[in-house]
Amino acid sequence: MGTLSHFRTIYIQAFKGCKPEILVVLLKVYSVFCALMLFLAVYAFMDRALNGFDF
């Protein structure tokens, strides 16, 4: 849990005091989107690896 808390702190500090606000919101949405796409890619690779790469 300490690592997740540390990453959360870094994430919050990265956007503290940034202007304009709309850009901050767009960057936050984009970072969540990138995290989801990364998770999806890892999931797809693990699924293929565990199932013998059947296409």
PDB file of N, CA and C in Angstrom:
ATOM      1  N   MET A   1       0.815  -1.202   0.000  1.00  0.00           N
ATOM      2  CA  MET A   1       0.000   0.000   0.000  1.00  0.00           C
ATOM      3  C   MET A   1       0.851   1.255   0.000  1.00  0.00           C
ATOM      4  N   GLY A   2       2.035   1.177   0.543  1.00  0.00           N
ATOM      5  CA  GLY A   2       2.897   2.347   0.585  1.00  0.00           C
ATOM      6  C   GLY A   2       3.271   2.843  -0.795  1.00  0.00           C
ATOM      7  N   THR A   3       3.492   1.919  -1.727  1.00  0.00           N
ATOM      8  CA  THR A   3       3.862   2.301  -3.084  1.00  0.00           C
ATOM      9  C   THR A   3       2.710   3.012  -3.778  1.00  0.00           C
ATOM     10  N   LEU A   4       1.495   2.498  -3.622  1.00  0.00           N
ATOM     11  CA  LEU A   4       0.341   3.157  -4.239  1.00  0.00           C
ATOM     12  C   LEU A   4       0.118   4.545  -3.652  1.00  0.00           C
ATOM     13  N   SER A   5       0.317   4.671  -2.368  1.00  0.00           N
ATOM     14  CA  SER A   5       0.184   5.972  -1.724  1.00  0.00           C
ATOM     15  C   SER A   5       1.242   6.944  -2.243  1.00  0.00           C
ATOM     16  N   HIS A   6       2.441   6.448  -2.462  1.00  0.00           N
ATOM     17  CA  HIS A   6       3.514   7.291  -2.987  1.00  0.00           C
ATOM     18  C   HIS A   6       3.196   7.750  -4.409  1.00  0.00           C
ATOM     19  N   PHE A   7       2.716   6.837  -5.262  1.00  0.00           N
ATOM     20  CA  PHE A   7       2.336   7.202  -6.619  1.00  0.00           C
ATOM     21  C   PHE A   7       1.181   8.207  -6.620  1.00  0.00           C
ATOM     22  N   ARG A   8       0.244   8.041  -5.706  1.00  0.00           N
ATOM     23  CA  ARG A   8      -0.876   8.983  -5.595  1.00  0.00           C
ATOM     24  C   ARG A   8      -0.366  10.368  -5.225  1.00  0.00           C
ATOM     25  N   THR A   9       0.567  10.433  -4.311  1.00  0.00           N
ATOM     26  CA  THR A   9       1.135  11.713  -3.888  1.00  0.00           C
ATOM     27  C   THR A   9       1.860  12.392  -5.052  1.00  0.00           C
ATOM     28  N   ILE A  10       2.639  11.625  -5.793  1.00  0.00           N
ATOM     29  CA  ILE A  10       3.342  12.181  -6.953  1.00  0.00           C
ATOM     30  C   ILE A  10       2.348  12.690  -7.983  1.00  0.00           C
ATOM     31  N   TYR A  11       1.275  11.930  -8.236  1.00  0.00           N
ATOM     32  CA  TYR A  11       0.254  12.314  -9.209  1.00  0.00           C
ATOM     33  C   TYR A  11      -0.417  13.618  -8.811  1.00  0.00           C
ATOM     34  N   ILE A  12      -0.759  13.739  -7.538  1.00  0.00           N
ATOM     35  CA  ILE A  12      -1.437  14.953  -7.062  1.00  0.00           C
ATOM     36  C   ILE A  12      -0.503  16.160  -7.128  1.00  0.00           C
ATOM     37  N   GLN A  13       0.755  15.995  -6.745  1.00  0.00           N
ATOM     38  CA  GLN A  13       1.707  17.098  -6.770  1.00  0.00           C
ATOM     39  C   GLN A  13       2.027  17.538  -8.193  1.00  0.00           C
ATOM     40  N   ALA A  14       1.939  16.628  -9.147  1.00  0.00           N
ATOM     41  CA  ALA A  14       2.251  16.971 -10.531  1.00  0.00           C
ATOM     42  C   ALA A  14       1.273  17.990 -11.092  1.00  0.00           C
ATOM     43  N   PHE A  15       0.042  17.969 -10.633  1.00  0.00           N
ATOM     44  CA  PHE A  15      -0.977  18.873 -11.163  1.00  0.00           C
ATOM     45  C   PHE A  15      -1.297  20.038 -10.228  1.00  0.00           C
ATOM     46  N   LYS A  16      -0.636  20.122  -9.101  1.00  0.00           N
ATOM     47  CA  LYS A  16      -0.922  21.198  -8.146  1.00  0.00           C
ATOM     48  C   LYS A  16      -0.416  22.532  -8.704  1.00  0.00           C
ATOM     49  N   GLY A  17      -1.298  23.511  -8.733  1.00  0.00           N
ATOM     50  CA  GLY A  17      -0.922  24.846  -9.169  1.00  0.00           C
ATOM     51  C   GLY A  17      -0.818  25.025 -10.675  1.00  0.00           C
ATOM     52  N   CYS A  18      -1.246  24.060 -11.464  1.00  0.00           N
ATOM     53  CA  CYS A  18      -1.169  24.177 -12.917  1.00  0.00           C
ATOM     54  C   CYS A  18      -2.347  24.988 -13.439  1.00  0.00           C
ATOM     55  N   LYS A  19      -2.082  25.792 -14.446  1.00  0.00           N
ATOM     56  CA  LYS A  19      -3.115  26.585 -15.092  1.00  0.00           C
ATOM     57  C   LYS A  19      -2.996  26.362 -16.583  1.00  0.00           C
ATOM     58  N   PRO A  20      -3.997  26.458 -17.374  1.00  0.00           N
ATOM     59  CA  PRO A  20      -5.421  26.628 -17.096  1.00  0.00           C
ATOM     60  C   PRO A  20      -6.057  25.320 -16.628  1.00  0.00           C
ATOM     61  N   GLU A  21      -7.133  25.463 -15.935  1.00  0.00           N
ATOM     62  CA  GLU A  21      -7.786  24.306 -15.313  1.00  0.00           C
ATOM     63  C   GLU A  21      -8.279  23.288 -16.343  1.00  0.00           C
ATOM     64  N   ILE A  22      -8.746  23.760 -17.486  1.00  0.00           N
ATOM     65  CA  ILE A  22      -9.263  22.827 -18.496  1.00  0.00           C
ATOM     66  C   ILE A  22      -8.140  21.915 -18.997  1.00  0.00           C
ATOM     67  N   LEU A  23      -6.940  22.459 -19.098  1.00  0.00           N
ATOM     68  CA  LEU A  23      -5.805  21.649 -19.519  1.00  0.00           C
ATOM     69  C   LEU A  23      -5.465  20.600 -18.469  1.00  0.00           C
ATOM     70  N   VAL A  24      -5.569  20.961 -17.216  1.00  0.00           N
ATOM     71  CA  VAL A  24      -5.314  20.019 -16.125  1.00  0.00           C
ATOM     72  C   VAL A  24      -6.322  18.876 -16.173  1.00  0.00           C
ATOM     73  N   VAL A  25      -7.585  19.208 -16.391  1.00  0.00           N
ATOM     74  CA  VAL A  25      -8.631  18.183 -16.473  1.00  0.00           C
ATOM     75  C   VAL A  25      -8.372  17.256 -17.661  1.00  0.00           C
ATOM     76  N   LEU A  26      -8.026  17.825 -18.798  1.00  0.00           N
ATOM     77  CA  LEU A  26      -7.746  17.001 -19.974  1.00  0.00           C
ATOM     78  C   LEU A  26      -6.540  16.090 -19.745  1.00  0.00           C
ATOM     79  N   LEU A  27      -5.499  16.594 -19.099  1.00  0.00           N
ATOM     80  CA  LEU A  27      -4.331  15.774 -18.816  1.00  0.00           C
ATOM     81  C   LEU A  27      -4.645  14.647 -17.841  1.00  0.00           C
ATOM     82  N   LYS A  28      -5.500  14.926 -16.853  1.00  0.00           N
ATOM     83  CA  LYS A  28      -5.895  13.882 -15.903  1.00  0.00           C
ATOM     84  C   LYS A  28      -6.707  12.801 -16.599  1.00  0.00           C
ATOM     85  N   VAL A  29      -7.633  13.197 -17.445  1.00  0.00           N
ATOM     86  CA  VAL A  29      -8.441  12.227 -18.191  1.00  0.00           C
ATOM     87  C   VAL A  29      -7.541  11.409 -19.114  1.00  0.00           C
ATOM     88  N   TYR A  30      -6.596  12.064 -19.769  1.00  0.00           N
ATOM     89  CA  TYR A  30      -5.684  11.362 -20.662  1.00  0.00           C
ATOM     90  C   TYR A  30      -4.801  10.382 -19.896  1.00  0.00           C
ATOM     91  N   SER A  31      -4.347  10.745 -18.714  1.00  0.00           N
ATOM     92  CA  SER A  31      -3.499   9.838 -17.943  1.00  0.00           C
ATOM     93  C   SER A  31      -4.283   8.609 -17.488  1.00  0.00           C
ATOM     94  N   VAL A  32      -5.551   8.779 -17.129  1.00  0.00           N
ATOM     95  CA  VAL A  32      -6.389   7.636 -16.766  1.00  0.00           C
ATOM     96  C   VAL A  32      -6.630   6.757 -17.995  1.00  0.00           C
ATOM     97  N   PHE A  33      -6.875   7.379 -19.142  1.00  0.00           N
ATOM     98  CA  PHE A  33      -7.066   6.630 -20.382  1.00  0.00           C
ATOM     99  C   PHE A  33      -5.818   5.810 -20.716  1.00  0.00           C
ATOM    100  N   CYS A  34      -4.635   6.407 -20.582  1.00  0.00           N
ATOM    101  CA  CYS A  34      -3.390   5.690 -20.861  1.00  0.00           C
ATOM    102  C   CYS A  34      -3.191   4.521 -19.903  1.00  0.00           C
ATOM    103  N   ALA A  35      -3.538   4.719 -18.646  1.00  0.00           N
ATOM    104  CA  ALA A  35      -3.408   3.630 -17.670  1.00  0.00           C
ATOM    105  C   ALA A  35      -4.343   2.477 -18.029  1.00  0.00           C
ATOM    106  N   LEU A  36      -5.556   2.787 -18.447  1.00  0.00           N
ATOM    107  CA  LEU A  36      -6.500   1.746 -18.857  1.00  0.00           C
ATOM    108  C   LEU A  36      -6.009   1.001 -20.095  1.00  0.00           C
ATOM    109  N   MET A  37      -5.454   1.724 -21.060  1.00  0.00           N
ATOM    110  CA  MET A  37      -4.939   1.077 -22.268  1.00  0.00           C
ATOM    111  C   MET A  37      -3.738   0.194 -21.944  1.00  0.00           C
ATOM    112  N   LEU A  38      -2.892   0.638 -21.034  1.00  0.00           N
ATOM    113  CA  LEU A  38      -1.754  -0.183 -20.619  1.00  0.00           C
ATOM    114  C   LEU A  38      -2.227  -1.451 -19.928  1.00  0.00           C
ATOM    115  N   PHE A  39      -3.218  -1.321 -19.035  1.00  0.00           N
ATOM    116  CA  PHE A  39      -3.789  -2.487 -18.374  1.00  0.00           C
ATOM    117  C   PHE A  39      -4.401  -3.445 -19.394  1.00  0.00           C
ATOM    118  N   LEU A  40      -5.099  -2.916 -20.389  1.00  0.00           N
ATOM    119  CA  LEU A  40      -5.713  -3.741 -21.420  1.00  0.00           C
ATOM    120  C   LEU A  40      -4.660  -4.492 -22.232  1.00  0.00           C
ATOM    121  N   ALA A  41      -3.565  -3.826 -22.554  1.00  0.00           N
ATOM    122  CA  ALA A  41      -2.495  -4.477 -23.312  1.00  0.00           C
ATOM    123  C   ALA A  41      -1.847  -5.598 -22.500  1.00  0.00           C
ATOM    124  N   VAL A  42      -1.604  -5.357 -21.222  1.00  0.00           N
ATOM    125  CA  VAL A  42      -1.013  -6.392 -20.365  1.00  0.00           C
ATOM    126  C   VAL A  42      -1.980  -7.559 -20.210  1.00  0.00           C
ATOM    127  N   TYR A  43      -3.252  -7.253 -20.018  1.00  0.00           N
ATOM    128  CA  TYR A  43      -4.263  -8.310 -19.900  1.00  0.00           C
ATOM    129  C   TYR A  43      -4.324  -9.151 -21.175  1.00  0.00           C
ATOM    130  N   ALA A  44      -4.345  -8.501 -22.332  1.00  0.00           N
ATOM    131  CA  ALA A  44      -4.421  -9.227 -23.596  1.00  0.00           C
ATOM    132  C   ALA A  44      -3.190 -10.106 -23.801  1.00  0.00           C
ATOM    133  N   PHE A  45      -2.009  -9.578 -23.472  1.00  0.00           N
ATOM    134  CA  PHE A  45      -0.799 -10.379 -23.616  1.00  0.00           C
ATOM    135  C   PHE A  45      -0.820 -11.580 -22.683  1.00  0.00           C
ATOM    136  N   MET A  46      -1.211 -11.375 -21.436  1.00  0.00           N
ATOM    137  CA  MET A  46      -1.254 -12.483 -20.481  1.00  0.00           C
ATOM    138  C   MET A  46      -2.293 -13.516 -20.895  1.00  0.00           C
ATOM    139  N   ASP A  47      -3.425 -13.067 -21.402  1.00  0.00           N
ATOM    140  CA  ASP A  47      -4.454 -13.998 -21.866  1.00  0.00           C
ATOM    141  C   ASP A  47      -3.929 -14.844 -23.019  1.00  0.00           C
ATOM    142  N   ARG A  48      -3.261 -14.201 -23.970  1.00  0.00           N
ATOM    143  CA  ARG A  48      -2.688 -14.948 -25.103  1.00  0.00           C
ATOM    144  C   ARG A  48      -1.595 -15.901 -24.630  1.00  0.00           C
ATOM    145  N   ALA A  49      -0.746 -15.434 -23.728  1.00  0.00           N
ATOM    146  CA  ALA A  49       0.355 -16.280 -23.243  1.00  0.00           C
ATOM    147  C   ALA A  49      -0.163 -17.496 -22.480  1.00  0.00           C
ATOM    148  N   LEU A  50      -1.183 -17.314 -21.664  1.00  0.00           N
ATOM    149  CA  LEU A  50      -1.703 -18.412 -20.865  1.00  0.00           C
ATOM    150  C   LEU A  50      -2.539 -19.386 -21.685  1.00  0.00           C
ATOM    151  N   ASN A  51      -3.073 -18.929 -22.805  1.00  0.00           N
ATOM    152  CA  ASN A  51      -3.904 -19.794 -23.651  1.00  0.00           C
ATOM    153  C   ASN A  51      -3.160 -20.314 -24.871  1.00  0.00           C
ATOM    154  N   GLY A  52      -1.866 -20.197 -24.887  1.00  0.00           N
ATOM    155  CA  GLY A  52      -1.078 -20.776 -25.967  1.00  0.00           C
ATOM    156  C   GLY A  52      -1.077 -19.979 -27.257  1.00  0.00           C
ATOM    157  N   PHE A  53      -1.332 -18.709 -27.207  1.00  0.00           N
ATOM    158  CA  PHE A  53      -1.311 -17.850 -28.379  1.00  0.00           C
ATOM    159  C   PHE A  53      -2.215 -18.349 -29.490  1.00  0.00           C
ATOM    160  N   ASP A  54      -3.389 -18.866 -29.150  1.00  0.00           N
ATOM    161  CA  ASP A  54      -4.361 -19.310 -30.141  1.00  0.00           C
ATOM    162  C   ASP A  54      -5.057 -18.085 -30.737  1.00  0.00           C
ATOM    163  N   PHE A  55      -5.014 -18.002 -32.080  1.00  0.00           N
ATOM    164  CA  PHE A  55      -5.651 -16.875 -32.745  1.00  0.00           C
ATOM    165  C   PHE A  55      -6.922 -17.310 -33.422  1.00  0.00           C
TER     166      PHE A  55
END
